[in-house]
C-alpha atoms as a PDB file:
ATOM      1  CA  MET A   1      78.504 203.484 190.352  1.00  0.00           C
ATOM      2  CA  LYS A   2      75.511 201.767 191.877  1.00  0.00           C
ATOM      3  CA  ALA A   3      73.271 202.982 188.994  1.00  0.00           C
ATOM      4  CA  SER A   4      75.755 201.586 186.558  1.00  0.00           C
ATOM      5  CA  SER A   5      75.773 198.285 188.394  1.00  0.00           C
ATOM      6  CA  ALA A   6      71.936 198.204 188.475  1.00  0.00           C
ATOM      7  CA  MET A   7      71.736 198.986 184.744  1.00  0.00           C
ATOM      8  CA  SER A   8      74.220 196.262 184.057  1.00  0.00           C
ATOM      9  CA  GLY A   9      72.124 193.823 186.054  1.00  0.00           C
ATOM     10  CA  SER A  10      68.968 194.832 184.204  1.00  0.00           C
ATOM     11  CA  GLU A  11      70.629 194.361 180.862  1.00  0.00           C
ATOM     12  CA  GLN A  12      71.877 190.982 181.926  1.00  0.00           C
ATOM     13  CA  ALA A  13      68.357 189.930 182.974  1.00  0.00           C
ATOM     14  CA  GLY A  14      66.922 191.062 179.624  1.00  0.00           C
ATOM     15  CA  LEU A  15      69.646 189.258 177.752  1.00  0.00           C
ATOM     16  CA  ALA A  16      68.974 186.061 179.704  1.00  0.00           C
ATOM     17  CA  ARG A  17      65.269 186.337 178.988  1.00  0.00           C
ATOM     18  CA  GLU A  18      65.892 186.722 175.246  1.00  0.00           C
ATOM     19  CA  MET A  19      68.214 183.754 175.208  1.00  0.00           C
ATOM     20  CA  SER A  20      65.663 181.672 177.036  1.00  0.00           C
ATOM     21  CA  GLU A  21      62.948 182.582 174.524  1.00  0.00           C
ATOM     22  CA  SER A  22      65.238 181.855 171.593  1.00  0.00           C
ATOM     23  CA  GLU A  23      65.914 178.380 172.952  1.00  0.00           C
ATOM     24  CA  ARG A  24      62.199 177.473 173.062  1.00  0.00           C
ATOM     25  CA  PRO A  25      61.034 174.952 170.403  1.00  0.00           C
ATOM     26  CA  PRO A  26      59.110 176.446 167.418  1.00  0.00           C
ATOM     27  CA  GLU A  27      55.377 176.694 167.852  1.00  0.00           C
ATOM     28  CA  GLU A  28      53.313 173.879 166.438  1.00  0.00           C
ATOM     29  CA  HIS A  29      51.392 174.441 163.213  1.00  0.00           C
ATOM     30  CA  SER A  30      47.961 175.839 163.610  1.00  0.00           C
ATOM     31  CA  ARG A  31      44.959 173.570 163.336  1.00  0.00           C
ATOM     32  CA  TRP A  32      44.121 174.582 159.750  1.00  0.00           C
ATOM     33  CA  GLU A  33      47.629 173.849 158.567  1.00  0.00           C
ATOM     34  CA  GLU A  34      47.446 170.377 160.045  1.00  0.00           C
ATOM     35  CA  LEU A  35      44.130 169.681 158.333  1.00  0.00           C
ATOM     36  CA  ILE A  36      45.415 170.900 154.974  1.00  0.00           C
ATOM     37  CA  GLU A  37      48.506 168.752 155.278  1.00  0.00           C
ATOM     38  CA  ILE A  38      46.348 165.698 155.995  1.00  0.00           C
ATOM     39  CA  VAL A  39      44.190 166.474 152.949  1.00  0.00           C
ATOM     40  CA  GLU A  40      47.303 166.931 150.812  1.00  0.00           C
ATOM     41  CA  VAL A  41      48.724 163.585 151.862  1.00  0.00           C
ATOM     42  CA  ILE A  42      45.432 161.799 151.161  1.00  0.00           C
ATOM     43  CA  VAL A  43      45.106 163.458 147.747  1.00  0.00           C
ATOM     44  CA  LEU A  44      48.690 162.625 146.831  1.00  0.00           C
ATOM     45  CA  ALA A  45      48.169 158.976 147.765  1.00  0.00           C
ATOM     46  CA  LEU A  46      44.926 158.691 145.807  1.00  0.00           C
ATOM     47  CA  VAL A  47      46.338 160.466 142.783  1.00  0.00           C
ATOM     48  CA  ALA A  48      49.429 158.259 142.765  1.00  0.00           C
ATOM     49  CA  ILE A  49      47.258 155.125 142.678  1.00  0.00           C
ATOM     50  CA  ALA A  50      44.879 156.583 140.093  1.00  0.00           C
ATOM     51  CA  THR A  51      47.750 157.709 137.859  1.00  0.00           C
ATOM     52  CA  ALA A  52      49.312 154.248 137.922  1.00  0.00           C
ATOM     53  CA  TRP A  53      45.957 152.618 137.124  1.00  0.00           C
ATOM     54  CA  SER A  54      45.196 155.026 134.292  1.00  0.00           C
ATOM     55  CA  GLY A  55      48.634 154.540 132.756  1.00  0.00           C
ATOM     56  CA  TYR A  56      48.274 150.763 133.026  1.00  0.00           C
ATOM     57  CA  GLN A  57      44.926 150.807 131.259  1.00  0.00           C
ATOM     58  CA  ALA A  58      46.281 153.103 128.547  1.00  0.00           C
ATOM     59  CA  ALA A  59      49.099 150.634 127.881  1.00  0.00           C
ATOM     60  CA  ARG A  60      46.704 147.663 127.826  1.00  0.00           C
ATOM     61  CA  TRP A  61      44.345 149.349 125.380  1.00  0.00           C
ATOM     62  CA  ASP A  62      47.272 150.369 123.204  1.00  0.00           C
ATOM     63  CA  GLY A  63      48.304 146.710 123.084  1.00  0.00           C
ATOM     64  CA  GLN A  64      44.755 145.720 122.151  1.00  0.00           C
ATOM     65  CA  GLN A  65      44.781 148.276 119.369  1.00  0.00           C
ATOM     66  CA  SER A  66      48.018 146.913 117.899  1.00  0.00           C
ATOM     67  CA  LEU A  67      46.775 143.321 118.129  1.00  0.00           C
ATOM     68  CA  GLN A  68      43.448 144.067 116.473  1.00  0.00           C
ATOM     69  CA  PHE A  69      44.992 146.118 113.689  1.00  0.00           C
ATOM     70  CA  ALA A  70      47.481 143.317 113.017  1.00  0.00           C
ATOM     71  CA  THR A  71      44.671 140.739 112.952  1.00  0.00           C
ATOM     72  CA  ALA A  72      42.618 142.882 110.580  1.00  0.00           C
ATOM     73  CA  SER A  73      45.600 143.274 108.244  1.00  0.00           C
ATOM     74  CA  ALA A  74      46.225 139.520 108.257  1.00  0.00           C
ATOM     75  CA  ASP A  75      42.576 138.878 107.370  1.00  0.00           C
ATOM     76  CA  ARG A  76      42.810 141.404 104.538  1.00  0.00           C
ATOM     77  CA  PHE A  77      45.794 139.583 103.075  1.00  0.00           C
ATOM     78  CA  LYS A  78      43.966 136.242 103.307  1.00  0.00           C
ATOM     79  CA  ALA A  79      40.877 137.784 101.713  1.00  0.00           C
ATOM     80  CA  ASP A  80      42.975 139.100  98.828  1.00  0.00           C
ATOM     81  CA  ALA A  81      44.436 135.634  98.270  1.00  0.00           C
ATOM     82  CA  TYR A  82      40.985 133.994  98.276  1.00  0.00           C
ATOM     83  CA  SER A  83      39.594 136.725  96.048  1.00  0.00           C
ATOM     84  CA  THR A  84      42.398 136.249  93.519  1.00  0.00           C
ATOM     85  CA  ALA A  85      41.913 132.481  93.452  1.00  0.00           C
ATOM     86  CA  GLY A  86      38.148 132.849  93.129  1.00  0.00           C
ATOM     87  CA  GLY A  87      38.518 135.356  90.334  1.00  0.00           C
ATOM     88  CA  GLN A  88      40.864 133.062  88.451  1.00  0.00           C
ATOM     89  CA  GLN A  89      38.398 130.195  88.779  1.00  0.00           C
ATOM     90  CA  LEU A  90      35.557 132.360  87.499  1.00  0.00           C
ATOM     91  CA  VAL A  91      37.627 133.543  84.531  1.00  0.00           C
ATOM     92  CA  ALA A  92      38.561 129.969  83.668  1.00  0.00           C
ATOM     93  CA  ASP A  93      34.944 128.787  83.925  1.00  0.00           C
ATOM     94  CA  SER A  94      33.785 131.739  81.845  1.00  0.00           C
ATOM     95  CA  SER A  95      36.341 130.925  79.138  1.00  0.00           C
ATOM     96  CA  ILE A  96      35.216 127.304  79.063  1.00  0.00           C
ATOM     97  CA  PHE A  97      31.591 128.454  78.920  1.00  0.00           C
ATOM     98  CA  THR A  98      32.392 130.603  75.886  1.00  0.00           C
ATOM     99  CA  ALA A  99      33.987 127.591  74.226  1.00  0.00           C
ATOM    100  CA  TRP A 100      30.874 125.528  75.095  1.00  0.00           C
ATOM    101  CA  LEU A 101      28.678 128.115  73.366  1.00  0.00           C
ATOM    102  CA  GLN A 102      30.829 127.897  70.249  1.00  0.00           C
ATOM    103  CA  ALA A 103      30.749 124.082  70.292  1.00  0.00           C
ATOM    104  CA  THR A 104      26.984 124.117  70.784  1.00  0.00           C
ATOM    105  CA  GLU A 105      26.513 126.548  67.926  1.00  0.00           C
ATOM    106  CA  ALA A 106      28.648 124.255  65.759  1.00  0.00           C
ATOM    107  CA  ARG A 107      26.468 121.325  66.874  1.00  0.00           C
ATOM    108  CA  ASP A 108      29.508 119.477  68.201  1.00  0.00           C
ATOM    109  CA  GLY A 109      27.936 117.580  71.091  1.00  0.00           C
ATOM    110  CA  THR A 110      31.064 115.616  71.961  1.00  0.00           C
ATOM    111  CA  LEU A 111      33.177 118.750  72.334  1.00  0.00           C
ATOM    112  CA  ALA A 112      30.404 120.548  74.208  1.00  0.00           C
ATOM    113  CA  ALA A 113      30.134 117.654  76.684  1.00  0.00           C
ATOM    114  CA  LEU A 114      33.903 117.762  77.139  1.00  0.00           C
ATOM    115  CA  TYR A 115      33.728 121.429  78.040  1.00  0.00           C
ATOM    116  CA  VAL A 116      30.947 120.790  80.550  1.00  0.00           C
ATOM    117  CA  ARG A 117      33.150 118.246  82.317  1.00  0.00           C
ATOM    118  CA  ARG A 118      35.849 120.929  82.563  1.00  0.00           C
ATOM    119  CA  PHE A 119      33.664 123.205  84.692  1.00  0.00           C
ATOM    120  CA  THR A 120      34.384 123.453  88.401  1.00  0.00           C
ATOM    121  CA  PRO A 121      31.712 121.659  90.481  1.00  0.00           C
ATOM    122  CA  ASP A 122      30.114 124.904  91.686  1.00  0.00           C
ATOM    123  CA  TYR A 123      29.994 126.389  88.203  1.00  0.00           C
ATOM    124  CA  ARG A 124      28.566 123.162  86.798  1.00  0.00           C
ATOM    125  CA  THR A 125      25.723 123.296  89.310  1.00  0.00           C
ATOM    126  CA  ALA A 126      24.915 126.828  88.199  1.00  0.00           C
ATOM    127  CA  PHE A 127      25.300 125.786  84.560  1.00  0.00           C
ATOM    128  CA  GLU A 128      22.723 123.028  84.905  1.00  0.00           C
ATOM    129  CA  ALA A 129      20.325 125.456  86.614  1.00  0.00           C
ATOM    130  CA  TRP A 130      20.965 127.916  83.785  1.00  0.00           C
ATOM    131  CA  LEU A 131      20.101 125.288  81.163  1.00  0.00           C
ATOM    132  CA  ASN A 132      16.743 124.746  82.874  1.00  0.00           C
ATOM    133  CA  THR A 133      15.829 128.346  82.024  1.00  0.00           C
ATOM    134  CA  ASN A 134      15.997 127.492  78.278  1.00  0.00           C
ATOM    135  CA  PRO A 135      18.574 130.207  77.646  1.00  0.00           C
ATOM    136  CA  LEU A 136      18.934 129.484  73.933  1.00  0.00           C
ATOM    137  CA  THR A 137      15.292 130.339  73.329  1.00  0.00           C
ATOM    138  CA  ASN A 138      14.308 132.367  76.376  1.00  0.00           C
ATOM    139  CA  PRO A 139      15.402 136.033  76.017  1.00  0.00           C
ATOM    140  CA  SER A 140      14.727 136.743  79.709  1.00  0.00           C
ATOM    141  CA  ALA A 141      17.123 134.040  80.890  1.00  0.00           C
ATOM    142  CA  PRO A 142      20.290 135.166  82.734  1.00  0.00           C
ATOM    143  CA  GLY A 143      23.323 135.849  80.559  1.00  0.00           C
ATOM    144  CA  GLY A 144      25.320 132.944  81.925  1.00  0.00           C
ATOM    145  CA  PRO A 145      25.789 130.506  84.812  1.00  0.00           C
ATOM    146  CA  GLY A 146      27.851 133.055  86.712  1.00  0.00           C
ATOM    147  CA  LEU A 147      24.723 135.191  87.088  1.00  0.00           C
ATOM    148  CA  MET A 148      22.614 132.404  88.503  1.00  0.00           C
ATOM    149  CA  PRO A 149      21.744 132.439  92.223  1.00  0.00           C
ATOM    150  CA  GLN A 150      22.926 128.825  92.392  1.00  0.00           C
ATOM    151  CA  TYR A 151      26.478 129.872  91.572  1.00  0.00           C
ATOM    152  CA  ARG A 152      28.609 129.878  94.691  1.00  0.00           C
ATOM    153  CA  ASN A 153      32.384 130.271  94.472  1.00  0.00           C
ATOM    154  CA  PRO A 154      33.892 129.088  97.791  1.00  0.00           C
ATOM    155  CA  ASN A 155      36.959 131.276  97.397  1.00  0.00           C
ATOM    156  CA  LEU A 156      34.923 134.425  96.743  1.00  0.00           C
ATOM    157  CA  VAL A 157      32.632 133.585  99.661  1.00  0.00           C
ATOM    158  CA  ALA A 158      35.633 133.128 101.961  1.00  0.00           C
ATOM    159  CA  ALA A 159      37.089 136.427 100.734  1.00  0.00           C
ATOM    160  CA  ALA A 160      33.840 138.244 101.527  1.00  0.00           C
ATOM    161  CA  GLU A 161      33.668 136.704 105.007  1.00  0.00           C
ATOM    162  CA  LEU A 162      37.294 137.605 105.755  1.00  0.00           C
ATOM    163  CA  ASN A 163      36.809 141.169 104.552  1.00  0.00           C
ATOM    164  CA  SER A 164      33.714 141.505 106.721  1.00  0.00           C
ATOM    165  CA  ARG A 165      35.551 140.151 109.762  1.00  0.00           C
ATOM    166  CA  ALA A 166      38.552 142.382 109.074  1.00  0.00           C
ATOM    167  CA  SER A 167      36.300 145.447 108.967  1.00  0.00           C
ATOM    168  CA  ALA A 168      34.741 144.519 112.321  1.00  0.00           C
ATOM    169  CA  ILE A 169      38.133 143.890 113.950  1.00  0.00           C
ATOM    170  CA  PHE A 170      39.518 147.130 112.525  1.00  0.00           C
ATOM    171  CA  ALA A 171      36.573 148.997 114.058  1.00  0.00           C
ATOM    172  CA  GLN A 172      37.380 147.355 117.407  1.00  0.00           C
ATOM    173  CA  GLY A 173      40.977 148.530 116.993  1.00  0.00           C
ATOM    174  CA  ASN A 174      39.777 152.096 116.482  1.00  0.00           C
ATOM    175  CA  THR A 175      37.701 151.807 119.649  1.00  0.00           C
ATOM    176  CA  ALA A 176      40.730 150.506 121.544  1.00  0.00           C
ATOM    177  CA  ARG A 177      42.779 153.440 120.255  1.00  0.00           C
ATOM    178  CA  GLU A 178      40.148 155.905 121.457  1.00  0.00           C
ATOM    179  CA  ASN A 179      40.057 154.244 124.885  1.00  0.00           C
ATOM    180  CA  SER A 180      43.850 154.408 125.114  1.00  0.00           C
ATOM    181  CA  GLU A 181      43.803 158.108 124.235  1.00  0.00           C
ATOM    182  CA  ASP A 182      41.135 158.757 126.876  1.00  0.00           C
ATOM    183  CA  TYR A 183      43.244 157.054 129.547  1.00  0.00           C
ATOM    184  CA  VAL A 184      46.320 159.021 128.472  1.00  0.00           C
ATOM    185  CA  ARG A 185      44.311 162.238 128.754  1.00  0.00           C
ATOM    186  CA  ASP A 186      43.177 161.338 132.272  1.00  0.00           C
ATOM    187  CA  THR A 187      46.743 160.410 133.242  1.00  0.00           C
ATOM    188  CA  VAL A 188      47.822 163.903 132.224  1.00  0.00           C
ATOM    189  CA  LEU A 189      45.003 165.397 134.306  1.00  0.00           C
ATOM    190  CA  PHE A 190      46.094 163.366 137.327  1.00  0.00           C
ATOM    191  CA  ALA A 191      49.612 164.720 136.800  1.00  0.00           C
ATOM    192  CA  ALA A 192      48.120 168.220 136.855  1.00  0.00           C
ATOM    193  CA  VAL A 193      46.530 167.413 140.224  1.00  0.00           C
ATOM    194  CA  LEU A 194      49.933 166.353 141.564  1.00  0.00           C
ATOM    195  CA  PHE A 195      51.396 169.623 140.306  1.00  0.00           C
ATOM    196  CA  LEU A 196      48.700 171.713 142.012  1.00  0.00           C
ATOM    197  CA  VAL A 197      49.155 169.909 145.315  1.00  0.00           C
ATOM    198  CA  ALA A 198      52.924 170.346 145.093  1.00  0.00           C
ATOM    199  CA  ILE A 199      52.763 174.089 144.535  1.00  0.00           C
ATOM    200  CA  ALA A 200      50.052 174.481 147.193  1.00  0.00           C
ATOM    201  CA  GLN A 201      52.519 173.192 149.764  1.00  0.00           C
ATOM    202  CA  ARG A 202      54.796 176.125 148.950  1.00  0.00           C
ATOM    203  CA  PHE A 203      52.196 178.774 149.708  1.00  0.00           C
ATOM    204  CA  LYS A 204      52.218 180.331 153.189  1.00  0.00           C
ATOM    205  CA  ILE A 205      49.078 182.404 152.700  1.00  0.00           C
ATOM    206  CA  ARG A 206      46.159 180.464 154.069  1.00  0.00           C
ATOM    207  CA  ASN A 207      43.499 181.442 151.522  1.00  0.00           C
ATOM    208  CA  VAL A 208      45.767 180.896 148.538  1.00  0.00           C
ATOM    209  CA  ARG A 209      46.802 177.469 149.768  1.00  0.00           C
ATOM    210  CA  ILE A 210      43.214 176.408 150.465  1.00  0.00           C
ATOM    211  CA  ALA A 211      42.063 177.685 147.062  1.00  0.00           C
ATOM    212  CA  THR A 212      44.799 175.759 145.257  1.00  0.00           C
ATOM    213  CA  ILE A 213      43.950 172.551 147.131  1.00  0.00           C
ATOM    214  CA  ALA A 214      40.264 173.062 146.317  1.00  0.00           C
ATOM    215  CA  VAL A 215      41.044 173.369 142.609  1.00  0.00           C
ATOM    216  CA  ALA A 216      43.183 170.209 142.823  1.00  0.00           C
ATOM    217  CA  LEU A 217      40.334 168.332 144.552  1.00  0.00           C
ATOM    218  CA  VAL A 218      37.784 169.392 141.929  1.00  0.00           C
ATOM    219  CA  LEU A 219      40.106 168.345 139.113  1.00  0.00           C
ATOM    220  CA  PHE A 220      40.805 165.041 140.847  1.00  0.00           C
ATOM    221  CA  VAL A 221      37.100 164.235 141.296  1.00  0.00           C
ATOM    222  CA  PHE A 222      36.361 165.167 137.669  1.00  0.00           C
ATOM    223  CA  THR A 223      39.181 162.966 136.371  1.00  0.00           C
ATOM    224  CA  ALA A 224      38.316 160.071 138.693  1.00  0.00           C
ATOM    225  CA  VAL A 225      34.703 160.111 137.435  1.00  0.00           C
ATOM    226  CA  SER A 226      35.997 160.126 133.863  1.00  0.00           C
ATOM    227  CA  VAL A 227      38.242 157.120 134.515  1.00  0.00           C
ATOM    228  CA  ALA A 228      35.441 155.245 136.262  1.00  0.00           C
ATOM    229  CA  GLY A 229      33.286 155.608 133.153  1.00  0.00           C
ATOM    230  CA  LEU A 230      35.909 154.215 130.766  1.00  0.00           C
ATOM    231  CA  PRO A 231      35.949 150.531 129.730  1.00  0.00           C
ATOM    232  CA  ARG A 232      38.628 148.289 131.207  1.00  0.00           C
ATOM    233  CA  VAL A 233      40.670 145.530 129.694  1.00  0.00           C
END
């Protein structure tokens, strides 16, 4: 009876001790876990800022691309209009020049003078320079005023300038597109860093968690260097 009472007391003491231990607060994380968590928080903060910046720059460069392509297209349309007008002027002057040749061959000075007055001012300047080469007797003379270096058609000149400017702006648009694509690529890499940090937090094995964070850090540094080397707008 006494043994039974003693056993009962012993069991009660053990039960009390177990209950007391179960009521203790959980042990604090080890030192390495605390350090990793600090690193994870810092990386997450930096990556969040870098991702926002990279996405912002990608959007800005995409806008630049659209603007420059639109400007280049507008210049192309203007160049086509100037080129058409200049071509029409040259055709008209050439037709009048042919009529002048016929009038000159027929020795009709009055009609020939009338045709000369019909030339556009720029073509007339070239025509007078062409006459100074004695074209009717000089076989090495240019074939017509349109081939003279003095001939300058303002519409054709404007068309050439607009086409040249459009080509330069279009090239700038291609550069803007490449910059936008580079920023989009780096934004995706930053998202990969966020993914690695997120899954690292789920690992309980110390070495695996540290290795995953290390990979995330290397990828973050690589991407940050890439972004730092890209042009900004």
